[in-house]
Amino acid sequence: MVASDLSEKTIGGAKGKPQLIITVPSLDTPVCETETKKFNEIVAGLDIDVTVVSMDLPFAEKEVL
């Protein structure tokens, strides 16, 4: 997948720590934006690789997060 900085990010597979992959249709909706922010708050102190996947252009993530 493509990250917000246009770099490629591989998701899935073994990385030595748990992965949480959150899928949302669009970060530009109130529900998806709230869900994404809430998950980030919950896992902030944990050693988990969190990836939010949406159908948005890569730049949309910068506006929300």
N, C-alpha and C. Protein backbone atom coordinates (compact mmCIF):
# COMPACT_ATOMS: atom_id res chain seq x y z
N MET A 1 0.82 -1.16 0.00
CA MET A 1 0.00 0.00 0.00
C MET A 1 0.87 1.23 0.00
N VAL A 2 0.28 2.41 -0.21
CA VAL A 2 1.02 3.66 -0.27
C VAL A 2 0.74 4.46 1.00
N ALA A 3 1.80 4.90 1.67
CA ALA A 3 1.67 5.70 2.89
C ALA A 3 1.42 7.16 2.53
N SER A 4 1.12 7.97 3.55
CA SER A 4 0.82 9.39 3.31
C SER A 4 2.00 10.16 2.71
N ASP A 5 3.22 9.66 2.90
CA ASP A 5 4.39 10.32 2.31
C ASP A 5 4.77 9.71 0.96
N LEU A 6 3.87 8.90 0.40
CA LEU A 6 4.01 8.21 -0.89
C LEU A 6 5.03 7.08 -0.89
N SER A 7 5.54 6.71 0.28
CA SER A 7 6.41 5.54 0.36
C SER A 7 5.53 4.29 0.37
N GLU A 8 6.13 3.17 0.02
CA GLU A 8 5.39 1.92 0.04
C GLU A 8 5.48 1.29 1.43
N LYS A 9 4.36 0.74 1.90
CA LYS A 9 4.34 0.06 3.19
C LYS A 9 3.76 -1.33 2.98
N THR A 10 4.47 -2.33 3.47
CA THR A 10 3.99 -3.70 3.39
C THR A 10 3.23 -4.01 4.67
N ILE A 11 2.03 -4.53 4.54
CA ILE A 11 1.25 -4.91 5.71
C ILE A 11 1.06 -6.41 5.72
N GLY A 12 0.86 -6.95 6.92
CA GLY A 12 0.70 -8.40 7.06
C GLY A 12 2.05 -9.07 7.18
N GLY A 13 2.03 -10.31 7.57
CA GLY A 13 3.27 -11.06 7.71
C GLY A 13 3.93 -10.81 9.05
N ALA A 14 4.97 -11.52 9.33
CA ALA A 14 5.66 -11.43 10.62
C ALA A 14 6.58 -10.22 10.65
N LYS A 15 6.45 -9.40 11.68
CA LYS A 15 7.34 -8.25 11.88
C LYS A 15 7.90 -8.24 13.29
N GLY A 16 7.63 -9.25 14.06
CA GLY A 16 8.15 -9.29 15.41
C GLY A 16 7.27 -8.62 16.45
N LYS A 17 6.17 -8.03 16.03
CA LYS A 17 5.22 -7.46 16.98
C LYS A 17 3.82 -7.52 16.37
N PRO A 18 2.80 -7.43 17.21
CA PRO A 18 1.43 -7.52 16.70
C PRO A 18 1.11 -6.38 15.74
N GLN A 19 0.27 -6.70 14.77
CA GLN A 19 -0.18 -5.69 13.82
C GLN A 19 -1.69 -5.52 13.94
N LEU A 20 -2.13 -4.28 13.89
CA LEU A 20 -3.55 -3.97 13.86
C LEU A 20 -3.80 -3.25 12.54
N ILE A 21 -4.62 -3.85 11.70
CA ILE A 21 -4.94 -3.26 10.41
C ILE A 21 -6.40 -2.82 10.47
N ILE A 22 -6.61 -1.51 10.41
CA ILE A 22 -7.94 -0.92 10.50
C ILE A 22 -8.35 -0.51 9.09
N THR A 23 -9.51 -0.95 8.65
CA THR A 23 -9.99 -0.56 7.33
C THR A 23 -11.21 0.34 7.47
N VAL A 24 -11.19 1.42 6.71
CA VAL A 24 -12.31 2.36 6.69
C VAL A 24 -12.55 2.78 5.24
N PRO A 25 -13.80 3.06 4.87
CA PRO A 25 -14.06 3.48 3.49
C PRO A 25 -13.38 4.81 3.14
N SER A 26 -13.47 5.79 4.05
CA SER A 26 -12.89 7.11 3.79
C SER A 26 -12.63 7.83 5.10
N LEU A 27 -11.46 8.43 5.21
CA LEU A 27 -11.14 9.21 6.40
C LEU A 27 -11.87 10.55 6.40
N ASP A 28 -12.52 10.86 5.29
CA ASP A 28 -13.22 12.13 5.14
C ASP A 28 -14.69 12.04 5.57
N THR A 29 -15.01 11.08 6.43
CA THR A 29 -16.35 10.97 6.99
C THR A 29 -16.24 11.04 8.50
N PRO A 30 -17.22 11.60 9.18
CA PRO A 30 -17.13 11.74 10.64
C PRO A 30 -16.94 10.42 11.38
N VAL A 31 -17.62 9.38 10.96
CA VAL A 31 -17.52 8.08 11.65
C VAL A 31 -16.14 7.48 11.47
N CYS A 32 -15.63 7.46 10.26
CA CYS A 32 -14.32 6.87 10.00
C CYS A 32 -13.20 7.68 10.65
N GLU A 33 -13.33 9.00 10.64
CA GLU A 33 -12.33 9.85 11.28
C GLU A 33 -12.30 9.59 12.78
N THR A 34 -13.47 9.52 13.41
CA THR A 34 -13.56 9.26 14.85
C THR A 34 -13.01 7.88 15.19
N GLU A 35 -13.37 6.87 14.39
CA GLU A 35 -12.88 5.51 14.61
C GLU A 35 -11.35 5.47 14.56
N THR A 36 -10.77 6.11 13.56
CA THR A 36 -9.32 6.11 13.40
C THR A 36 -8.64 6.79 14.57
N LYS A 37 -9.13 7.95 14.96
CA LYS A 37 -8.53 8.66 16.09
C LYS A 37 -8.65 7.86 17.38
N LYS A 38 -9.81 7.23 17.60
CA LYS A 38 -10.03 6.45 18.83
C LYS A 38 -9.07 5.25 18.89
N PHE A 39 -8.93 4.51 17.79
CA PHE A 39 -7.99 3.39 17.77
C PHE A 39 -6.57 3.87 18.06
N ASN A 40 -6.17 5.00 17.49
CA ASN A 40 -4.83 5.54 17.74
C ASN A 40 -4.64 5.89 19.21
N GLU A 41 -5.66 6.45 19.84
CA GLU A 41 -5.59 6.77 21.27
C GLU A 41 -5.44 5.50 22.11
N ILE A 42 -6.21 4.47 21.79
CA ILE A 42 -6.22 3.23 22.57
C ILE A 42 -4.87 2.52 22.51
N VAL A 43 -4.25 2.48 21.34
CA VAL A 43 -3.01 1.71 21.18
C VAL A 43 -1.75 2.57 21.33
N ALA A 44 -1.90 3.84 21.67
CA ALA A 44 -0.76 4.75 21.74
C ALA A 44 0.38 4.23 22.64
N GLY A 45 0.07 3.61 23.76
CA GLY A 45 1.11 3.15 24.67
C GLY A 45 1.52 1.71 24.47
N LEU A 46 1.00 1.07 23.46
CA LEU A 46 1.29 -0.34 23.21
C LEU A 46 2.31 -0.49 22.09
N ASP A 47 3.03 -1.59 22.09
CA ASP A 47 4.01 -1.88 21.03
C ASP A 47 3.31 -2.64 19.91
N ILE A 48 2.47 -1.92 19.17
CA ILE A 48 1.68 -2.51 18.09
C ILE A 48 1.89 -1.68 16.83
N ASP A 49 2.07 -2.35 15.71
CA ASP A 49 2.17 -1.68 14.41
C ASP A 49 0.74 -1.46 13.90
N VAL A 50 0.28 -0.21 13.90
CA VAL A 50 -1.09 0.11 13.49
C VAL A 50 -1.06 0.69 12.08
N THR A 51 -1.91 0.16 11.22
CA THR A 51 -2.05 0.66 9.86
C THR A 51 -3.52 0.89 9.58
N VAL A 52 -3.85 2.09 9.12
CA VAL A 52 -5.22 2.40 8.71
C VAL A 52 -5.24 2.38 7.19
N VAL A 53 -6.14 1.58 6.64
CA VAL A 53 -6.26 1.45 5.20
C VAL A 53 -7.59 2.04 4.78
N SER A 54 -7.53 2.97 3.81
CA SER A 54 -8.76 3.57 3.29
C SER A 54 -8.63 3.69 1.77
N MET A 55 -9.72 4.07 1.15
CA MET A 55 -9.72 4.27 -0.30
C MET A 55 -9.34 5.70 -0.66
N ASP A 56 -8.95 6.50 0.32
CA ASP A 56 -8.58 7.90 0.08
C ASP A 56 -7.22 8.00 -0.60
N LEU A 57 -6.96 9.17 -1.17
CA LEU A 57 -5.63 9.46 -1.66
C LEU A 57 -4.69 9.54 -0.47
N PRO A 58 -3.40 9.25 -0.66
CA PRO A 58 -2.46 9.23 0.47
C PRO A 58 -2.42 10.52 1.29
N PHE A 59 -2.72 11.65 0.68
CA PHE A 59 -2.63 12.93 1.36
C PHE A 59 -3.75 13.16 2.37
N ALA A 60 -4.85 12.44 2.26
CA ALA A 60 -6.00 12.63 3.15
C ALA A 60 -5.65 12.30 4.60
N GLU A 61 -4.76 11.35 4.81
CA GLU A 61 -4.40 10.94 6.17
C GLU A 61 -3.78 12.10 6.94
N LYS A 62 -2.98 12.92 6.29
CA LYS A 62 -2.32 14.04 6.96
C LYS A 62 -3.34 15.02 7.52
N GLU A 63 -4.47 15.18 6.85
CA GLU A 63 -5.49 16.13 7.30
C GLU A 63 -6.24 15.62 8.53
N VAL A 64 -6.31 14.31 8.70
CA VAL A 64 -7.10 13.72 9.77
C VAL A 64 -6.25 13.42 10.98
N LEU A 65 -5.07 12.88 10.80
CA LEU A 65 -4.27 12.40 11.93
C LEU A 65 -3.32 13.40 12.46
